[in-house]
Amino acid sequence: MFVVLGATGRTGKVVAESLLSRGKRICAVVRDGRKGEPWRRRGAKVVVASLEDEHALERALADATGLFALLPEDATAPDFDAHRRRMADAIAAAVSASDVEKVVLLSGAAAVLPEGNGLAKELHRLESLLIGSGRRVTVLRAVAFQENVTWALPAALQNGIYPNFYPSADVAIKTVATRDIGRLAACRLVEPSGKSEIVDVTGPTYSVRQLAATVGRAMGQTLRIVDIPAAAHVETLTAAGMSRPFAESFAELVACLASGRISQAGDRIVRGKTELEDILPGLLAASAAPYPGRS
């Protein structure tokens, strides 16, 4: 059986669906039991648990041979970094206490650095803890999610603008779709490598200008790019409803990415083929949803 954390999120859902399509048994770990019902109807085991609860996670892993792990982002959490650290520690402790053989972790490109990388800091911590557990671990260090354009959709739909947090609208941004990551994760669980490895997951490259143009075409209008200076990042994000700790961590990540300190340092590179145009219709249809978590 394979345990999937965040099974109701974008990436976790793809992992779970991909495993089921291969005829595998899964255990979907969810925070809301009602959201787990669709998985239960499809024959999956469902465990309702907080990712901060080491013992609940250990019970979920009792009969598992594989685990898909991630650290969801709650943009409204008042103790964002501490919350992520507790989840990282609980997941790692549950893995160490279980007999699970293989783990696939969704991480981020900036997790190559131990600090000064904002949202990726606790991912670096979880990478280290899991690799140190002695299990066969595949770390998927993904570049920017294409679905991150969702964060710009409220401003685009309401005001016809596309916010830019980078130093220039022409900065090249490597992206990947969560469906490509999810399928890769499922593959690595079913057909694992012979040893632990770090895989850099990348895909199409877009500038902010290209992202804005692509989103605008899908909406049938031209979006005006509005540059948000670094000094205004935190206040802009908190005004949009994010907690200050999340906003500060996000701003630190953007500064880190803009500095050019991030490099691909994994054992190999896998490139997703999904283009932004392929997923935009679905994102626009769901544009009334709140800010997404990185899951």
Protein backbone atom coordinates (compact mmCIF):
# COMPACT_ATOMS: atom_id res chain seq x y z
CA MET A 1 0.00 0.00 0.00
CA PHE A 2 1.10 3.54 -0.73
CA VAL A 3 0.36 6.42 1.62
CA VAL A 4 -0.29 9.79 -0.01
CA LEU A 5 -0.09 12.97 2.06
CA GLY A 6 -2.07 15.93 0.79
CA ALA A 7 -4.29 13.70 -1.36
CA THR A 8 -6.83 16.48 -1.84
CA GLY A 9 -4.22 18.98 -3.07
CA ARG A 10 -3.13 19.49 -6.66
CA THR A 11 -0.04 17.29 -6.65
CA GLY A 12 -1.19 14.73 -4.09
CA LYS A 13 -4.40 14.18 -6.04
CA VAL A 14 -2.42 13.36 -9.19
CA VAL A 15 -0.17 10.98 -7.25
CA ALA A 16 -3.18 9.16 -5.78
CA GLU A 17 -5.02 8.96 -9.10
CA SER A 18 -1.89 7.73 -10.89
CA LEU A 19 -1.36 4.98 -8.32
CA LEU A 20 -5.00 3.89 -8.50
CA SER A 21 -4.81 3.78 -12.30
CA ARG A 22 -1.91 1.34 -11.90
CA GLY A 23 -4.05 -0.89 -9.72
CA LYS A 24 -2.22 0.01 -6.50
CA ARG A 25 -3.78 0.26 -3.05
CA ILE A 26 -3.52 3.69 -1.47
CA CYS A 27 -4.11 5.36 1.85
CA ALA A 28 -5.12 9.00 1.47
CA VAL A 29 -4.17 11.18 4.43
CA VAL A 30 -6.48 14.20 4.65
CA ARG A 31 -7.22 16.92 7.18
CA ASP A 32 -10.95 17.03 6.40
CA GLY A 33 -12.77 13.71 6.47
CA ARG A 34 -15.47 14.95 4.09
CA LYS A 35 -12.86 15.62 1.42
CA GLY A 36 -11.61 12.08 1.81
CA GLU A 37 -14.97 10.52 0.88
CA PRO A 38 -14.32 10.54 -2.91
CA TRP A 39 -11.17 8.48 -2.27
CA ARG A 40 -13.03 6.10 0.02
CA ARG A 41 -15.66 5.52 -2.68
CA ARG A 42 -12.86 4.57 -5.05
CA GLY A 43 -11.63 1.89 -2.67
CA ALA A 44 -8.86 3.83 -0.94
CA LYS A 45 -8.20 3.78 2.77
CA VAL A 46 -8.68 7.24 4.25
CA VAL A 47 -6.95 8.53 7.36
CA VAL A 48 -7.91 11.89 8.84
CA ALA A 49 -4.82 13.37 10.46
CA SER A 50 -2.82 16.52 10.94
CA LEU A 51 0.62 16.41 9.38
CA GLU A 52 1.89 17.68 12.73
CA ASP A 53 0.69 14.48 14.44
CA GLU A 54 3.65 12.09 14.40
CA HIS A 55 1.71 9.21 15.96
CA ALA A 56 -1.26 9.48 13.56
CA LEU A 57 1.16 9.47 10.62
CA GLU A 58 2.99 6.47 12.05
CA ARG A 59 -0.32 4.59 12.26
CA ALA A 60 -1.10 5.50 8.65
CA LEU A 61 2.27 4.06 7.63
CA ALA A 62 1.74 0.78 9.52
CA ASP A 63 1.20 -1.38 6.41
CA ALA A 64 2.80 0.88 3.82
CA THR A 65 5.62 0.12 1.44
CA GLY A 66 5.78 3.66 0.06
CA LEU A 67 5.01 7.26 1.05
CA PHE A 68 4.45 10.43 -0.94
CA ALA A 69 5.31 13.35 1.33
CA LEU A 70 5.10 17.12 1.04
CA LEU A 71 4.82 20.25 3.18
CA PRO A 72 1.58 22.10 2.39
CA GLU A 73 1.67 25.88 2.50
CA ASP A 74 -0.99 27.67 4.53
CA ALA A 75 -0.71 31.31 3.50
CA THR A 76 -2.90 32.37 6.43
CA ALA A 77 -1.03 30.50 9.19
CA PRO A 78 0.04 32.97 11.91
CA ASP A 79 3.10 30.82 12.73
CA PHE A 80 3.94 29.76 9.17
CA ASP A 81 7.58 28.69 9.62
CA ALA A 82 6.98 27.00 12.98
CA HIS A 83 3.98 25.15 11.54
CA ARG A 84 6.09 23.87 8.64
CA ARG A 85 8.88 22.84 10.99
CA ARG A 86 6.48 20.84 13.15
CA MET A 87 5.14 19.05 10.06
CA ALA A 88 8.66 18.30 8.80
CA ASP A 89 9.69 16.86 12.16
CA ALA A 90 6.50 14.80 12.52
CA ILE A 91 6.76 13.31 9.01
CA ALA A 92 10.41 12.41 9.49
CA ALA A 93 9.77 10.89 12.92
CA ALA A 94 6.87 8.81 11.59
CA VAL A 95 9.01 7.50 8.72
CA SER A 96 11.85 6.59 11.09
CA ALA A 97 9.46 4.76 13.42
CA SER A 98 7.80 2.81 10.59
CA ASP A 99 8.87 0.05 8.23
CA VAL A 100 8.08 2.03 5.07
CA GLU A 101 10.69 1.20 2.45
CA LYS A 102 10.57 4.13 0.02
CA VAL A 103 9.66 7.79 0.22
CA VAL A 104 9.10 10.34 -2.51
CA LEU A 105 9.26 13.92 -1.26
CA LEU A 106 7.97 16.92 -3.18
CA SER A 107 10.55 19.63 -2.51
CA GLY A 108 11.59 22.82 -4.26
CA ALA A 109 14.58 24.05 -6.23
CA ALA A 110 15.48 26.56 -3.51
CA ALA A 111 15.79 23.73 -0.97
CA VAL A 112 19.34 23.27 -2.26
CA LEU A 113 20.18 26.03 0.26
CA PRO A 114 19.87 25.56 4.05
CA GLU A 115 18.74 29.11 4.82
CA GLY A 116 17.96 32.49 3.31
CA ASN A 117 15.52 30.74 0.99
CA GLY A 118 12.18 31.59 2.58
CA LEU A 119 9.47 29.04 1.86
CA ALA A 120 12.07 26.38 1.02
CA LYS A 121 13.91 26.43 4.37
CA GLU A 122 11.84 23.71 6.02
CA LEU A 123 11.90 21.68 2.80
CA HIS A 124 15.69 21.59 3.11
CA ARG A 125 15.25 20.42 6.69
CA LEU A 126 12.81 17.65 5.71
CA GLU A 127 15.06 16.52 2.86
CA SER A 128 17.94 16.09 5.31
CA LEU A 129 15.83 14.30 7.90
CA LEU A 130 14.36 11.82 5.42
CA ILE A 131 17.65 11.07 3.70
CA GLY A 132 19.15 10.51 7.14
CA SER A 133 16.40 8.02 8.01
CA GLY A 134 18.08 5.28 5.99
CA ARG A 135 15.03 4.76 3.75
CA ARG A 136 15.21 4.84 -0.03
CA VAL A 137 14.28 8.47 -0.67
CA THR A 138 13.59 10.28 -3.93
CA VAL A 139 13.57 14.05 -3.54
CA LEU A 140 11.79 15.90 -6.34
CA ARG A 141 13.13 19.46 -6.35
CA ALA A 142 10.57 21.21 -8.48
CA VAL A 143 10.99 24.64 -10.03
CA ALA A 144 8.13 27.18 -9.93
CA PHE A 145 4.70 25.62 -10.31
CA GLN A 146 2.79 26.80 -13.37
CA GLU A 147 -0.26 26.86 -11.10
CA ASN A 148 1.32 29.76 -9.21
CA VAL A 149 -0.27 32.08 -11.78
CA THR A 150 -3.45 31.46 -9.78
CA TRP A 151 -2.15 33.98 -7.27
CA ALA A 152 -2.30 36.68 -9.94
CA LEU A 153 -5.78 35.81 -11.21
CA PRO A 154 -7.82 37.91 -8.74
CA ALA A 155 -5.90 41.04 -9.77
CA ALA A 156 -6.11 40.05 -13.43
CA LEU A 157 -9.83 39.37 -13.37
CA GLN A 158 -10.80 42.34 -11.22
CA ASN A 159 -8.34 45.01 -12.35
CA GLY A 160 -6.78 43.81 -15.59
CA ILE A 161 -3.27 43.74 -14.10
CA TYR A 162 -0.59 41.12 -13.56
CA PRO A 163 1.58 41.71 -10.44
CA ASN A 164 5.33 41.17 -10.88
CA PHE A 165 7.46 40.49 -7.80
CA TYR A 166 10.71 39.95 -9.70
CA PRO A 167 13.29 42.67 -10.45
CA SER A 168 12.24 42.63 -14.11
CA ALA A 169 9.25 41.36 -16.07
CA ASP A 170 11.76 39.78 -18.44
CA VAL A 171 13.40 37.51 -15.83
CA ALA A 172 13.32 33.91 -17.10
CA ILE A 173 11.38 31.57 -14.80
CA LYS A 174 11.57 27.80 -15.14
CA THR A 175 8.18 26.22 -14.50
CA VAL A 176 6.57 22.80 -14.24
CA ALA A 177 2.94 21.67 -13.98
CA THR A 178 1.86 19.80 -10.86
CA ARG A 179 0.38 17.03 -12.99
CA ASP A 180 3.84 16.28 -14.40
CA ILE A 181 5.27 16.19 -10.87
CA GLY A 182 2.46 13.97 -9.58
CA ARG A 183 2.87 11.43 -12.36
CA LEU A 184 6.62 11.35 -11.83
CA ALA A 185 6.16 10.87 -8.08
CA ALA A 186 3.81 7.92 -8.63
CA CYS A 187 6.27 6.39 -11.08
CA ARG A 188 9.13 6.70 -8.61
CA LEU A 189 7.04 5.01 -5.90
CA VAL A 190 6.10 2.07 -8.11
CA GLU A 191 9.44 1.87 -9.92
CA PRO A 192 11.95 3.29 -7.43
CA SER A 193 15.61 3.84 -8.08
CA GLY A 194 18.06 1.46 -6.48
CA LYS A 195 19.29 4.16 -4.15
CA SER A 196 18.26 7.52 -2.73
CA GLU A 197 18.48 10.37 -5.20
CA ILE A 198 17.66 14.03 -5.75
CA VAL A 199 15.88 14.80 -9.00
CA ASP A 200 15.67 18.34 -10.37
CA VAL A 201 12.22 18.67 -11.96
CA THR A 202 11.88 21.41 -14.54
CA GLY A 203 9.89 22.32 -17.63
CA PRO A 204 8.99 25.24 -19.91
CA THR A 205 10.59 28.63 -19.23
CA TYR A 206 8.53 31.83 -19.22
CA SER A 207 9.24 35.43 -18.33
CA VAL A 208 6.69 37.32 -16.26
CA ARG A 209 5.86 39.22 -19.43
CA GLN A 210 5.12 35.94 -21.21
CA LEU A 211 3.07 34.67 -18.27
CA ALA A 212 0.98 37.83 -18.30
CA ALA A 213 0.47 37.61 -22.06
CA THR A 214 -0.52 33.94 -21.88
CA VAL A 215 -2.99 34.51 -19.06
CA GLY A 216 -4.36 37.56 -20.85
CA ARG A 217 -4.97 35.63 -24.08
CA ALA A 218 -6.83 32.95 -22.17
CA MET A 219 -8.99 35.69 -20.62
CA GLY A 220 -9.48 37.48 -23.92
CA GLN A 221 -7.82 40.71 -22.83
CA THR A 222 -4.44 42.40 -22.46
CA LEU A 223 -3.10 42.53 -18.92
CA ARG A 224 -0.97 45.40 -17.67
CA ILE A 225 2.11 44.33 -15.71
CA VAL A 226 2.50 46.13 -12.39
CA ASP A 227 5.96 45.90 -10.84
CA ILE A 228 5.93 45.41 -7.06
CA PRO A 229 9.26 46.65 -5.61
CA ALA A 230 10.97 44.43 -3.06
CA ALA A 231 10.33 46.93 -0.27
CA ALA A 232 6.59 46.56 -0.86
CA HIS A 233 6.40 42.77 -1.15
CA VAL A 234 5.37 42.02 2.43
CA GLU A 235 2.75 44.76 2.69
CA THR A 236 1.29 43.84 -0.70
CA LEU A 237 0.92 40.21 0.29
CA THR A 238 -0.54 40.91 3.71
CA ALA A 239 -3.04 43.29 2.09
CA ALA A 240 -4.10 40.33 -0.07
CA GLY A 241 -4.94 38.32 3.03
CA MET A 242 -1.73 36.41 3.70
CA SER A 243 -0.22 36.23 7.17
CA ARG A 244 2.84 38.38 7.79
CA PRO A 245 5.09 35.35 8.50
CA PHE A 246 4.08 33.81 5.18
CA ALA A 247 4.55 37.11 3.35
CA GLU A 248 8.02 37.54 4.84
CA SER A 249 8.99 34.00 3.91
CA PHE A 250 7.64 34.45 0.38
CA ALA A 251 9.53 37.72 -0.03
CA GLU A 252 12.74 36.06 1.13
CA LEU A 253 12.27 33.29 -1.44
CA VAL A 254 11.72 35.78 -4.27
CA ALA A 255 14.86 37.67 -3.23
CA CYS A 256 16.78 34.40 -3.15
CA LEU A 257 15.58 33.42 -6.62
CA ALA A 258 16.37 36.88 -7.99
CA SER A 259 19.91 36.68 -6.57
CA GLY A 260 20.82 33.80 -8.86
CA ARG A 261 22.00 31.64 -5.94
CA ILE A 262 19.80 28.69 -6.90
CA SER A 263 21.42 26.01 -9.02
CA GLN A 264 20.40 22.55 -10.11
CA ALA A 265 22.48 20.22 -7.96
CA GLY A 266 20.56 16.95 -8.11
CA ASP A 267 21.61 13.58 -9.42
CA ARG A 268 19.64 14.04 -12.63
CA ILE A 269 17.10 16.28 -14.35
CA VAL A 270 13.56 15.41 -15.47
CA ARG A 271 11.66 17.84 -17.70
CA GLY A 272 7.88 18.12 -17.70
CA LYS A 273 6.20 18.74 -21.05
CA THR A 274 2.97 20.45 -19.98
CA GLU A 275 2.64 24.03 -21.24
CA LEU A 276 0.84 26.75 -19.30
CA GLU A 277 -1.80 26.98 -22.04
CA ASP A 278 -2.73 23.36 -21.35
CA ILE A 279 -3.86 24.02 -17.77
CA LEU A 280 -5.09 27.63 -17.89
CA PRO A 281 -8.73 26.83 -18.74
CA GLY A 282 -9.05 24.78 -15.56
CA LEU A 283 -7.30 27.41 -13.46
CA LEU A 284 -9.56 30.17 -14.76
CA ALA A 285 -12.64 28.04 -14.12
CA ALA A 286 -11.56 27.67 -10.50
CA SER A 287 -10.41 31.29 -10.13
CA ALA A 288 -12.92 32.03 -7.37
CA ALA A 289 -10.98 29.69 -5.08
CA PRO A 290 -8.74 31.18 -2.33
CA TYR A 291 -4.98 31.33 -2.61
CA PRO A 292 -3.71 27.81 -3.21
CA GLY A 293 -1.27 25.98 -0.99
CA ARG A 294 1.90 24.43 -2.47
CA SER A 295 0.67 20.91 -2.49
